[in-house]
Amino acid sequence: MSIRPLDLLDLPTIARYRNDVLTLDSARALTRGHPLGAMGLLAYINPARHLYAAIRNTDGTPILGGVIHSRGDTYAKLLYLAPSTNMGNPHLPALIEHLSAQAGEWQAVHVIAEVDESSDVFPALRTAGFSVYAWQRVWDVSLLEKTESGSGSDWKRMRSVDLPAAQNLHYQIVPQLLHPIEPAPKRPDGFIHAEVRCFASVSYGVYGIVLTPLILPDEGDVSGKIVSLVSSLSDRNGRPVYLNVRSYQAWLEPVLEDLGAKASQRQAVMVKHLARLVKDGQPARVVPANAGVQPTQMSRIDVDE
């Protein structure tokens, strides 16, 4: 049976596998909960995002998955695959390819998936063209403000005037080869330190808050700054707080461990390139005065009409 979009007739299948899902977008899972739960299904009516899900049912064994894309972003994310107990299905790579093709129709040039190191889905993702480009670990920092005092006054919410500073930090810390996959922030969304040497993007949801920090390696009192950052979240409302640390910021992990933060299992961050990003060329309007140009010699050809 061919792959097709999910529809209302698939609600029994969704209900069947709602607790047997492999999530591939950690931040979204921690902030918005189960991708096949009520909050996840409500995301389909959000006009700010592209969200697509598909299913393949062969011999009564369905596999389904979803992909998500925020308008204006150059990348999409694999959202989930289900059932998680059937990641060895031979038709799974075709389903992943189908979801990636949909991301291409949204003008995304990359598709990203975050997978636990021990997951059985690695072979299917590699067959579908995904490769590992970074590692990450999510740390639960909800209790840090109780271990040390932090006023939070050193961190402030970003404004438009702070965006160039955050972009500069991004270009200094994120390896250049990853810039097409992880572009610099385009919107003033997050927190920036008063010394403009630390930045943290933020993702809010009903179930939690995820912070992704960018801190220069030679920064002092990093533990105090992390605690201060967590304390500055005045609108937590009891929600847990997580810190997402990528491999190019791995030096933060011993600091978090010393603070008593709880680490999740390490994840591979994988990417599939849908297209090669080519910058538009700018043709020269005039020939430079010192350039030697040999004119082309052409003969006239008379053609009878």
C-alpha atoms as a PDB file:
ATOM      1  CA  MET A   1       0.000   0.000   0.000  1.00  0.00           C
ATOM      2  CA  SER A   2       1.315   3.452  -0.876  1.00  0.00           C
ATOM      3  CA  ILE A   3       2.084   6.200   1.610  1.00  0.00           C
ATOM      4  CA  ARG A   4      -0.706   8.705   2.148  1.00  0.00           C
ATOM      5  CA  PRO A   5      -1.490  11.632   4.478  1.00  0.00           C
ATOM      6  CA  LEU A   6      -3.176  10.934   7.801  1.00  0.00           C
ATOM      7  CA  ASP A   7      -6.893  11.687   7.900  1.00  0.00           C
ATOM      8  CA  LEU A   8      -9.809  11.386  10.312  1.00  0.00           C
ATOM      9  CA  LEU A   9     -10.255   7.708   9.497  1.00  0.00           C
ATOM     10  CA  ASP A  10      -6.822   7.089  11.064  1.00  0.00           C
ATOM     11  CA  LEU A  11      -7.865   8.290  14.535  1.00  0.00           C
ATOM     12  CA  PRO A  12      -8.128   4.703  15.852  1.00  0.00           C
ATOM     13  CA  THR A  13      -4.542   4.071  14.698  1.00  0.00           C
ATOM     14  CA  ILE A  14      -3.367   7.302  16.325  1.00  0.00           C
ATOM     15  CA  ALA A  15      -5.063   6.322  19.582  1.00  0.00           C
ATOM     16  CA  ARG A  16      -3.499   2.864  19.381  1.00  0.00           C
ATOM     17  CA  TYR A  17       0.062   4.163  19.074  1.00  0.00           C
ATOM     18  CA  ARG A  18      -0.171   7.365  21.095  1.00  0.00           C
ATOM     19  CA  ASN A  19       1.974   5.764  23.821  1.00  0.00           C
ATOM     20  CA  ASP A  20       4.328   3.989  21.416  1.00  0.00           C
ATOM     21  CA  VAL A  21       5.946   6.954  19.676  1.00  0.00           C
ATOM     22  CA  LEU A  22       9.578   7.806  18.980  1.00  0.00           C
ATOM     23  CA  THR A  23       9.925  11.587  19.267  1.00  0.00           C
ATOM     24  CA  LEU A  24      12.624  13.194  17.122  1.00  0.00           C
ATOM     25  CA  ASP A  25      12.290  16.824  18.284  1.00  0.00           C
ATOM     26  CA  SER A  26      13.376  16.970  21.922  1.00  0.00           C
ATOM     27  CA  ALA A  27      12.564  20.623  22.607  1.00  0.00           C
ATOM     28  CA  ARG A  28       9.058  20.291  21.244  1.00  0.00           C
ATOM     29  CA  ALA A  29       8.419  17.094  23.184  1.00  0.00           C
ATOM     30  CA  LEU A  30       9.568  18.694  26.453  1.00  0.00           C
ATOM     31  CA  THR A  31       7.581  21.892  25.975  1.00  0.00           C
ATOM     32  CA  ARG A  32       4.430  20.710  24.185  1.00  0.00           C
ATOM     33  CA  GLY A  33       4.194  17.116  25.245  1.00  0.00           C
ATOM     34  CA  HIS A  34       3.237  14.022  23.310  1.00  0.00           C
ATOM     35  CA  PRO A  35       3.117  14.589  19.517  1.00  0.00           C
ATOM     36  CA  LEU A  36       0.013  12.382  19.223  1.00  0.00           C
ATOM     37  CA  GLY A  37      -1.656  13.800  22.323  1.00  0.00           C
ATOM     38  CA  ALA A  38      -4.293  16.503  22.409  1.00  0.00           C
ATOM     39  CA  MET A  39      -1.784  19.384  22.394  1.00  0.00           C
ATOM     40  CA  GLY A  40       0.156  17.813  19.543  1.00  0.00           C
ATOM     41  CA  LEU A  41      -2.926  17.424  17.385  1.00  0.00           C
ATOM     42  CA  LEU A  42      -3.956  21.046  18.040  1.00  0.00           C
ATOM     43  CA  ALA A  43      -0.708  22.158  16.387  1.00  0.00           C
ATOM     44  CA  TYR A  44      -2.198  21.198  13.017  1.00  0.00           C
ATOM     45  CA  ILE A  45      -4.375  24.325  13.113  1.00  0.00           C
ATOM     46  CA  ASN A  46      -1.472  26.708  13.847  1.00  0.00           C
ATOM     47  CA  PRO A  47      -1.079  28.900  10.718  1.00  0.00           C
ATOM     48  CA  ALA A  48       2.473  29.890  11.701  1.00  0.00           C
ATOM     49  CA  ARG A  49       3.733  26.340  11.112  1.00  0.00           C
ATOM     50  CA  HIS A  50       3.682  23.697   8.449  1.00  0.00           C
ATOM     51  CA  LEU A  51       2.817  20.317   9.933  1.00  0.00           C
ATOM     52  CA  TYR A  52       2.344  17.122   7.943  1.00  0.00           C
ATOM     53  CA  ALA A  53       1.811  13.487   8.933  1.00  0.00           C
ATOM     54  CA  ALA A  54       1.673  10.370   6.782  1.00  0.00           C
ATOM     55  CA  ILE A  55       0.981   6.664   7.174  1.00  0.00           C
ATOM     56  CA  ARG A  56       1.808   3.445   5.376  1.00  0.00           C
ATOM     57  CA  ASN A  57      -0.153   0.310   6.127  1.00  0.00           C
ATOM     58  CA  THR A  58       1.244  -2.946   4.786  1.00  0.00           C
ATOM     59  CA  ASP A  59      -0.285  -6.281   5.779  1.00  0.00           C
ATOM     60  CA  GLY A  60      -2.062  -4.685   8.720  1.00  0.00           C
ATOM     61  CA  THR A  61       1.152  -3.238  10.183  1.00  0.00           C
ATOM     62  CA  PRO A  62       0.957   0.557   9.941  1.00  0.00           C
ATOM     63  CA  ILE A  63       3.870   2.928  10.369  1.00  0.00           C
ATOM     64  CA  LEU A  64       3.338   6.660  10.634  1.00  0.00           C
ATOM     65  CA  GLY A  65       5.367   9.799  11.119  1.00  0.00           C
ATOM     66  CA  GLY A  66       5.273  13.581  11.069  1.00  0.00           C
ATOM     67  CA  VAL A  67       7.417  16.519   9.976  1.00  0.00           C
ATOM     68  CA  ILE A  68       7.196  20.155  11.069  1.00  0.00           C
ATOM     69  CA  HIS A  69       8.471  23.448   9.669  1.00  0.00           C
ATOM     70  CA  SER A  70       8.206  27.040  10.878  1.00  0.00           C
ATOM     71  CA  ARG A  71       7.557  29.548   8.118  1.00  0.00           C
ATOM     72  CA  GLY A  72      10.701  31.381   7.089  1.00  0.00           C
ATOM     73  CA  ASP A  73      13.130  28.753   8.465  1.00  0.00           C
ATOM     74  CA  THR A  74      15.601  27.028   6.154  1.00  0.00           C
ATOM     75  CA  TYR A  75      15.174  23.698   7.955  1.00  0.00           C
ATOM     76  CA  ALA A  76      12.366  21.344   8.939  1.00  0.00           C
ATOM     77  CA  LYS A  77      12.325  18.744  11.717  1.00  0.00           C
ATOM     78  CA  LEU A  78      11.169  15.170  11.808  1.00  0.00           C
ATOM     79  CA  LEU A  79       8.631  15.258  14.610  1.00  0.00           C
ATOM     80  CA  TYR A  80       7.934  11.594  15.378  1.00  0.00           C
ATOM     81  CA  LEU A  81       7.798   8.044  14.054  1.00  0.00           C
ATOM     82  CA  ALA A  82       5.459   5.321  15.311  1.00  0.00           C
ATOM     83  CA  PRO A  83       5.241   2.667  16.539  1.00  0.00           C
ATOM     84  CA  SER A  84       8.623   2.892  18.266  1.00  0.00           C
ATOM     85  CA  THR A  85       8.671  -0.907  18.572  1.00  0.00           C
ATOM     86  CA  ASN A  86       8.698  -1.287  14.777  1.00  0.00           C
ATOM     87  CA  MET A  87      11.715   0.791  13.760  1.00  0.00           C
ATOM     88  CA  GLY A  88      13.076  -2.156  11.799  1.00  0.00           C
ATOM     89  CA  ASN A  89      10.176  -2.056   9.327  1.00  0.00           C
ATOM     90  CA  PRO A  90      11.661  -2.282   5.793  1.00  0.00           C
ATOM     91  CA  HIS A  91       9.244   0.404   4.577  1.00  0.00           C
ATOM     92  CA  LEU A  92      10.337   2.966   7.182  1.00  0.00           C
ATOM     93  CA  PRO A  93      13.050   4.615   5.006  1.00  0.00           C
ATOM     94  CA  ALA A  94      10.454   5.215   2.289  1.00  0.00           C
ATOM     95  CA  LEU A  95       8.153   6.904   4.814  1.00  0.00           C
ATOM     96  CA  ILE A  96      11.024   9.122   6.017  1.00  0.00           C
ATOM     97  CA  GLU A  97      11.828  10.027   2.408  1.00  0.00           C
ATOM     98  CA  HIS A  98       8.176  10.924   1.865  1.00  0.00           C
ATOM     99  CA  LEU A  99       8.154  13.219   4.905  1.00  0.00           C
ATOM    100  CA  SER A 100      11.411  14.839   3.753  1.00  0.00           C
ATOM    101  CA  ALA A 101       9.964  15.464   0.299  1.00  0.00           C
ATOM    102  CA  GLN A 102       7.087  17.336   1.924  1.00  0.00           C
ATOM    103  CA  ALA A 103       9.618  19.514   3.765  1.00  0.00           C
ATOM    104  CA  GLY A 104      11.192  20.315   0.396  1.00  0.00           C
ATOM    105  CA  GLU A 105       7.836  21.576  -0.865  1.00  0.00           C
ATOM    106  CA  TRP A 106       7.913  24.057   2.044  1.00  0.00           C
ATOM    107  CA  GLN A 107      11.240  25.373   0.661  1.00  0.00           C
ATOM    108  CA  ALA A 108      13.277  23.808   3.489  1.00  0.00           C
ATOM    109  CA  VAL A 109      16.791  22.807   2.453  1.00  0.00           C
ATOM    110  CA  HIS A 110      17.549  20.590   5.472  1.00  0.00           C
ATOM    111  CA  VAL A 111      15.615  18.134   7.631  1.00  0.00           C
ATOM    112  CA  ILE A 112      16.836  17.541  11.202  1.00  0.00           C
ATOM    113  CA  ALA A 113      16.197  14.597  13.520  1.00  0.00           C
ATOM    114  CA  GLU A 114      17.356  14.123  17.141  1.00  0.00           C
ATOM    115  CA  VAL A 115      17.834  10.488  18.101  1.00  0.00           C
ATOM    116  CA  ASP A 116      18.995   8.722  21.270  1.00  0.00           C
ATOM    117  CA  GLU A 117      22.292   6.880  20.779  1.00  0.00           C
ATOM    118  CA  SER A 118      20.667   3.544  21.583  1.00  0.00           C
ATOM    119  CA  SER A 119      17.715   3.967  19.205  1.00  0.00           C
ATOM    120  CA  ASP A 120      16.933   1.297  16.613  1.00  0.00           C
ATOM    121  CA  VAL A 121      15.967   3.918  14.030  1.00  0.00           C
ATOM    122  CA  PHE A 122      19.568   4.734  13.002  1.00  0.00           C
ATOM    123  CA  PRO A 123      19.689   2.304  10.041  1.00  0.00           C
ATOM    124  CA  ALA A 124      16.412   3.622   8.602  1.00  0.00           C
ATOM    125  CA  LEU A 125      17.532   7.251   8.937  1.00  0.00           C
ATOM    126  CA  ARG A 126      20.887   6.534   7.312  1.00  0.00           C
ATOM    127  CA  THR A 127      19.188   4.671   4.469  1.00  0.00           C
ATOM    128  CA  ALA A 128      16.960   7.732   3.970  1.00  0.00           C
ATOM    129  CA  GLY A 129      20.026   9.981   3.631  1.00  0.00           C
ATOM    130  CA  PHE A 130      20.521  11.299   7.182  1.00  0.00           C
ATOM    131  CA  SER A 131      23.959  11.680   8.759  1.00  0.00           C
ATOM    132  CA  VAL A 132      25.180  12.787  12.206  1.00  0.00           C
ATOM    133  CA  TYR A 133      26.508  16.346  12.386  1.00  0.00           C
ATOM    134  CA  ALA A 134      26.475  16.999  16.172  1.00  0.00           C
ATOM    135  CA  TRP A 135      25.625  15.499  19.547  1.00  0.00           C
ATOM    136  CA  GLN A 136      23.488  16.942  22.286  1.00  0.00           C
ATOM    137  CA  ARG A 137      22.336  16.287  25.810  1.00  0.00           C
ATOM    138  CA  VAL A 138      19.346  17.845  27.570  1.00  0.00           C
ATOM    139  CA  TRP A 139      19.889  18.801  31.213  1.00  0.00           C
ATOM    140  CA  ASP A 140      17.127  19.297  33.769  1.00  0.00           C
ATOM    141  CA  VAL A 141      18.042  22.544  35.571  1.00  0.00           C
ATOM    142  CA  SER A 142      14.707  23.109  37.303  1.00  0.00           C
ATOM    143  CA  LEU A 143      16.186  22.989  40.819  1.00  0.00           C
ATOM    144  CA  LEU A 144      19.321  25.055  40.262  1.00  0.00           C
ATOM    145  CA  GLU A 145      17.851  28.214  41.755  1.00  0.00           C
ATOM    146  CA  LYS A 146      17.431  26.306  45.024  1.00  0.00           C
ATOM    147  CA  THR A 147      21.108  25.318  45.181  1.00  0.00           C
ATOM    148  CA  GLU A 148      22.538  28.795  44.649  1.00  0.00           C
ATOM    149  CA  SER A 149      21.124  32.274  44.886  1.00  0.00           C
ATOM    150  CA  GLY A 150      20.790  34.208  41.667  1.00  0.00           C
ATOM    151  CA  SER A 151      19.143  37.558  41.273  1.00  0.00           C
ATOM    152  CA  GLY A 152      18.587  37.225  37.553  1.00  0.00           C
ATOM    153  CA  SER A 153      19.425  40.900  37.112  1.00  0.00           C
ATOM    154  CA  ASP A 154      22.377  40.127  34.818  1.00  0.00           C
ATOM    155  CA  TRP A 155      20.085  38.628  32.172  1.00  0.00           C
ATOM    156  CA  LYS A 156      17.498  40.555  30.202  1.00  0.00           C
ATOM    157  CA  ARG A 157      14.991  39.681  27.548  1.00  0.00           C
ATOM    158  CA  MET A 158      16.280  40.366  24.085  1.00  0.00           C
ATOM    159  CA  ARG A 159      15.188  43.404  22.124  1.00  0.00           C
ATOM    160  CA  SER A 160      15.729  44.162  18.465  1.00  0.00           C
ATOM    161  CA  VAL A 161      18.805  46.207  19.356  1.00  0.00           C
ATOM    162  CA  ASP A 162      20.387  43.087  20.938  1.00  0.00           C
ATOM    163  CA  LEU A 163      19.961  40.890  17.874  1.00  0.00           C
ATOM    164  CA  PRO A 164      23.339  41.753  16.232  1.00  0.00           C
ATOM    165  CA  ALA A 165      25.158  40.847  19.471  1.00  0.00           C
ATOM    166  CA  ALA A 166      23.383  37.476  19.645  1.00  0.00           C
ATOM    167  CA  GLN A 167      24.191  36.806  15.994  1.00  0.00           C
ATOM    168  CA  ASN A 168      27.846  37.676  16.636  1.00  0.00           C
ATOM    169  CA  LEU A 169      27.978  35.136  19.471  1.00  0.00           C
ATOM    170  CA  HIS A 170      26.440  32.545  17.190  1.00  0.00           C
ATOM    171  CA  TYR A 171      29.088  33.102  14.523  1.00  0.00           C
ATOM    172  CA  GLN A 172      31.882  32.842  17.112  1.00  0.00           C
ATOM    173  CA  ILE A 173      30.664  29.665  18.823  1.00  0.00           C
ATOM    174  CA  VAL A 174      28.800  27.546  16.270  1.00  0.00           C
ATOM    175  CA  PRO A 175      31.275  25.958  13.805  1.00  0.00           C
ATOM    176  CA  GLN A 176      31.181  27.607  10.411  1.00  0.00           C
ATOM    177  CA  LEU A 177      30.310  24.367   8.615  1.00  0.00           C
ATOM    178  CA  LEU A 178      27.097  24.187  10.656  1.00  0.00           C
ATOM    179  CA  HIS A 179      25.883  27.718   9.885  1.00  0.00           C
ATOM    180  CA  PRO A 180      23.683  26.606   6.948  1.00  0.00           C
ATOM    181  CA  ILE A 181      22.048  23.976   9.188  1.00  0.00           C
ATOM    182  CA  GLU A 182      21.894  26.086  12.355  1.00  0.00           C
ATOM    183  CA  PRO A 183      21.394  29.667  11.159  1.00  0.00           C
ATOM    184  CA  ALA A 184      21.924  32.675  13.410  1.00  0.00           C
ATOM    185  CA  PRO A 185      18.821  33.951  15.231  1.00  0.00           C
ATOM    186  CA  LYS A 186      16.584  36.164  13.106  1.00  0.00           C
ATOM    187  CA  ARG A 187      14.207  37.323  15.828  1.00  0.00           C
ATOM    188  CA  PRO A 188      14.852  38.816  19.289  1.00  0.00           C
ATOM    189  CA  ASP A 189      13.588  35.729  21.087  1.00  0.00           C
ATOM    190  CA  GLY A 190      15.500  34.758  24.216  1.00  0.00           C
ATOM    191  CA  PHE A 191      17.776  36.220  26.870  1.00  0.00           C
ATOM    192  CA  ILE A 192      21.107  38.021  26.623  1.00  0.00           C
ATOM    193  CA  HIS A 193      23.599  38.706  29.399  1.00  0.00           C
ATOM    194  CA  ALA A 194      24.490  42.233  30.419  1.00  0.00           C
ATOM    195  CA  GLU A 195      28.117  41.686  29.338  1.00  0.00           C
ATOM    196  CA  VAL A 196      26.894  40.553  25.880  1.00  0.00           C
ATOM    197  CA  ARG A 197      29.054  37.426  26.044  1.00  0.00           C
ATOM    198  CA  CYS A 198      26.222  34.988  26.732  1.00  0.00           C
ATOM    199  CA  PHE A 199      22.957  34.347  24.903  1.00  0.00           C
ATOM    200  CA  ALA A 200      20.193  31.793  25.361  1.00  0.00           C
ATOM    201  CA  SER A 201      17.324  31.108  22.988  1.00  0.00           C
ATOM    202  CA  VAL A 202      14.125  29.973  24.666  1.00  0.00           C
ATOM    203  CA  SER A 203      11.230  27.708  23.752  1.00  0.00           C
ATOM    204  CA  TYR A 204       8.079  27.880  25.887  1.00  0.00           C
ATOM    205  CA  GLY A 205       5.302  25.353  26.134  1.00  0.00           C
ATOM    206  CA  VAL A 206       2.573  24.134  28.439  1.00  0.00           C
ATOM    207  CA  TYR A 207       4.773  21.351  29.807  1.00  0.00           C
ATOM    208  CA  GLY A 208       8.167  22.994  30.104  1.00  0.00           C
ATOM    209  CA  ILE A 209      10.781  25.554  29.050  1.00  0.00           C
ATOM    210  CA  VAL A 210      13.897  24.716  27.011  1.00  0.00           C
ATOM    211  CA  LEU A 211      16.921  27.034  26.934  1.00  0.00           C
ATOM    212  CA  THR A 212      19.723  26.669  24.374  1.00  0.00           C
ATOM    213  CA  PRO A 213      22.760  28.641  25.545  1.00  0.00           C
ATOM    214  CA  LEU A 214      25.671  30.124  23.632  1.00  0.00           C
ATOM    215  CA  ILE A 215      28.479  31.010  26.044  1.00  0.00           C
ATOM    216  CA  LEU A 216      32.060  31.870  25.109  1.00  0.00           C
ATOM    217  CA  PRO A 217      34.569  29.300  26.456  1.00  0.00           C
ATOM    218  CA  ASP A 218      36.684  31.953  28.196  1.00  0.00           C
ATOM    219  CA  GLU A 219      33.716  33.356  30.115  1.00  0.00           C
ATOM    220  CA  GLY A 220      34.103  33.546  33.887  1.00  0.00           C
ATOM    221  CA  ASP A 221      31.694  32.362  36.600  1.00  0.00           C
ATOM    222  CA  VAL A 222      29.726  30.218  34.164  1.00  0.00           C
ATOM    223  CA  SER A 223      27.956  28.322  36.947  1.00  0.00           C
ATOM    224  CA  GLY A 224      26.710  31.584  38.450  1.00  0.00           C
ATOM    225  CA  LYS A 225      25.484  32.786  35.065  1.00  0.00           C
ATOM    226  CA  ILE A 226      23.560  29.550  34.427  1.00  0.00           C
ATOM    227  CA  VAL A 227      21.880  29.720  37.835  1.00  0.00           C
ATOM    228  CA  SER A 228      21.108  33.396  37.244  1.00  0.00           C
ATOM    229  CA  LEU A 229      19.580  32.534  33.873  1.00  0.00           C
ATOM    230  CA  VAL A 230      17.248  29.931  35.399  1.00  0.00           C
ATOM    231  CA  SER A 231      16.287  32.369  38.164  1.00  0.00           C
ATOM    232  CA  SER A 232      15.453  35.071  35.627  1.00  0.00           C
ATOM    233  CA  LEU A 233      12.517  33.032  34.289  1.00  0.00           C
ATOM    234  CA  SER A 234       9.847  34.850  36.256  1.00  0.00           C
ATOM    235  CA  ASP A 235       6.967  33.279  34.298  1.00  0.00           C
ATOM    236  CA  ARG A 236       7.781  29.617  34.936  1.00  0.00           C
ATOM    237  CA  ASN A 237       4.524  28.857  36.734  1.00  0.00           C
ATOM    238  CA  GLY A 238       5.957  25.639  38.111  1.00  0.00           C
ATOM    239  CA  ARG A 239       7.091  24.318  34.733  1.00  0.00           C
ATOM    240  CA  PRO A 240      10.372  22.375  34.546  1.00  0.00           C
ATOM    241  CA  VAL A 241      13.339  24.058  32.860  1.00  0.00           C
ATOM    242  CA  TYR A 242      15.820  22.287  30.578  1.00  0.00           C
ATOM    243  CA  LEU A 243      19.165  23.297  29.099  1.00  0.00           C
ATOM    244  CA  ASN A 244      20.024  21.887  25.669  1.00  0.00           C
ATOM    245  CA  VAL A 245      23.803  21.549  25.227  1.00  0.00           C
ATOM    246  CA  ARG A 246      25.235  20.736  21.795  1.00  0.00           C
ATOM    247  CA  SER A 247      28.638  19.089  21.285  1.00  0.00           C
ATOM    248  CA  TYR A 248      30.333  22.373  20.370  1.00  0.00           C
ATOM    249  CA  GLN A 249      29.401  23.590  23.879  1.00  0.00           C
ATOM    250  CA  ALA A 250      30.334  20.302  25.593  1.00  0.00           C
ATOM    251  CA  TRP A 251      32.615  22.124  28.047  1.00  0.00           C
ATOM    252  CA  LEU A 252      29.411  23.256  29.806  1.00  0.00           C
ATOM    253  CA  GLU A 253      28.552  19.705  30.859  1.00  0.00           C
ATOM    254  CA  PRO A 254      31.046  19.451  33.784  1.00  0.00           C
ATOM    255  CA  VAL A 255      29.725  22.795  35.044  1.00  0.00           C
ATOM    256  CA  LEU A 256      26.148  21.525  34.949  1.00  0.00           C
ATOM    257  CA  GLU A 257      27.175  18.269  36.605  1.00  0.00           C
ATOM    258  CA  ASP A 258      28.840  20.169  39.445  1.00  0.00           C
ATOM    259  CA  LEU A 259      25.665  22.214  39.879  1.00  0.00           C
ATOM    260  CA  GLY A 260      23.621  19.040  40.342  1.00  0.00           C
ATOM    261  CA  ALA A 261      21.686  19.204  37.061  1.00  0.00           C
ATOM    262  CA  LYS A 262      20.268  15.924  35.755  1.00  0.00           C
ATOM    263  CA  ALA A 263      21.379  14.797  32.302  1.00  0.00           C
ATOM    264  CA  SER A 264      19.323  12.854  29.774  1.00  0.00           C
ATOM    265  CA  GLN A 265      20.777  10.251  27.448  1.00  0.00           C
ATOM    266  CA  ARG A 266      23.083  11.652  24.782  1.00  0.00           C
ATOM    267  CA  GLN A 267      21.439  12.164  21.404  1.00  0.00           C
ATOM    268  CA  ALA A 268      22.748  12.265  17.853  1.00  0.00           C
ATOM    269  CA  VAL A 269      21.606  15.281  15.857  1.00  0.00           C
ATOM    270  CA  MET A 270      21.174  14.130  12.260  1.00  0.00           C
ATOM    271  CA  VAL A 271      20.548  16.073   9.072  1.00  0.00           C
ATOM    272  CA  LYS A 272      19.387  15.306   5.565  1.00  0.00           C
ATOM    273  CA  HIS A 273      20.338  17.851   2.903  1.00  0.00           C
ATOM    274  CA  LEU A 274      17.503  18.437   0.461  1.00  0.00           C
ATOM    275  CA  ALA A 275      19.287  20.997  -1.697  1.00  0.00           C
ATOM    276  CA  ARG A 276      22.570  22.829  -1.988  1.00  0.00           C
ATOM    277  CA  LEU A 277      22.277  26.413  -0.807  1.00  0.00           C
ATOM    278  CA  VAL A 278      23.797  28.702  -3.462  1.00  0.00           C
ATOM    279  CA  LYS A 279      24.127  32.440  -2.931  1.00  0.00           C
ATOM    280  CA  ASP A 280      22.910  34.625  -5.761  1.00  0.00           C
ATOM    281  CA  GLY A 281      25.788  36.023  -7.763  1.00  0.00           C
ATOM    282  CA  GLN A 282      26.132  39.751  -8.410  1.00  0.00           C
ATOM    283  CA  PRO A 283      27.230  40.414 -11.997  1.00  0.00           C
ATOM    284  CA  ALA A 284      29.637  43.302 -12.558  1.00  0.00           C
ATOM    285  CA  ARG A 285      27.895  46.289 -14.120  1.00  0.00           C
ATOM    286  CA  VAL A 286      31.056  47.720 -15.701  1.00  0.00           C
ATOM    287  CA  VAL A 287      34.382  46.273 -16.739  1.00  0.00           C
ATOM    288  CA  PRO A 288      37.223  47.528 -14.500  1.00  0.00           C
ATOM    289  CA  ALA A 289      39.485  50.047 -16.220  1.00  0.00           C
ATOM    290  CA  ASN A 290      42.601  47.924 -15.738  1.00  0.00           C
ATOM    291  CA  ALA A 291      41.028  44.733 -17.119  1.00  0.00           C
ATOM    292  CA  GLY A 292      42.070  43.560 -20.551  1.00  0.00           C
ATOM    293  CA  VAL A 293      39.165  42.209 -22.563  1.00  0.00           C
ATOM    294  CA  GLN A 294      39.641  40.559 -25.934  1.00  0.00           C
ATOM    295  CA  PRO A 295      36.558  41.231 -28.065  1.00  0.00           C
ATOM    296  CA  THR A 296      34.977  38.254 -29.778  1.00  0.00           C
ATOM    297  CA  GLN A 297      35.283  38.224 -33.572  1.00  0.00           C
ATOM    298  CA  MET A 298      32.042  37.253 -35.305  1.00  0.00           C
ATOM    299  CA  SER A 299      31.112  37.062 -38.976  1.00  0.00           C
ATOM    300  CA  ARG A 300      27.753  38.143 -40.279  1.00  0.00           C
ATOM    301  CA  ILE A 301      25.548  35.395 -41.588  1.00  0.00           C
ATOM    302  CA  ASP A 302      22.725  36.280 -43.923  1.00  0.00           C
ATOM    303  CA  VAL A 303      19.699  34.104 -43.453  1.00  0.00           C
ATOM    304  CA  ASP A 304      16.890  34.043 -45.960  1.00  0.00           C
ATOM    305  CA  GLU A 305      13.533  34.392 -44.326  1.00  0.00           C
END
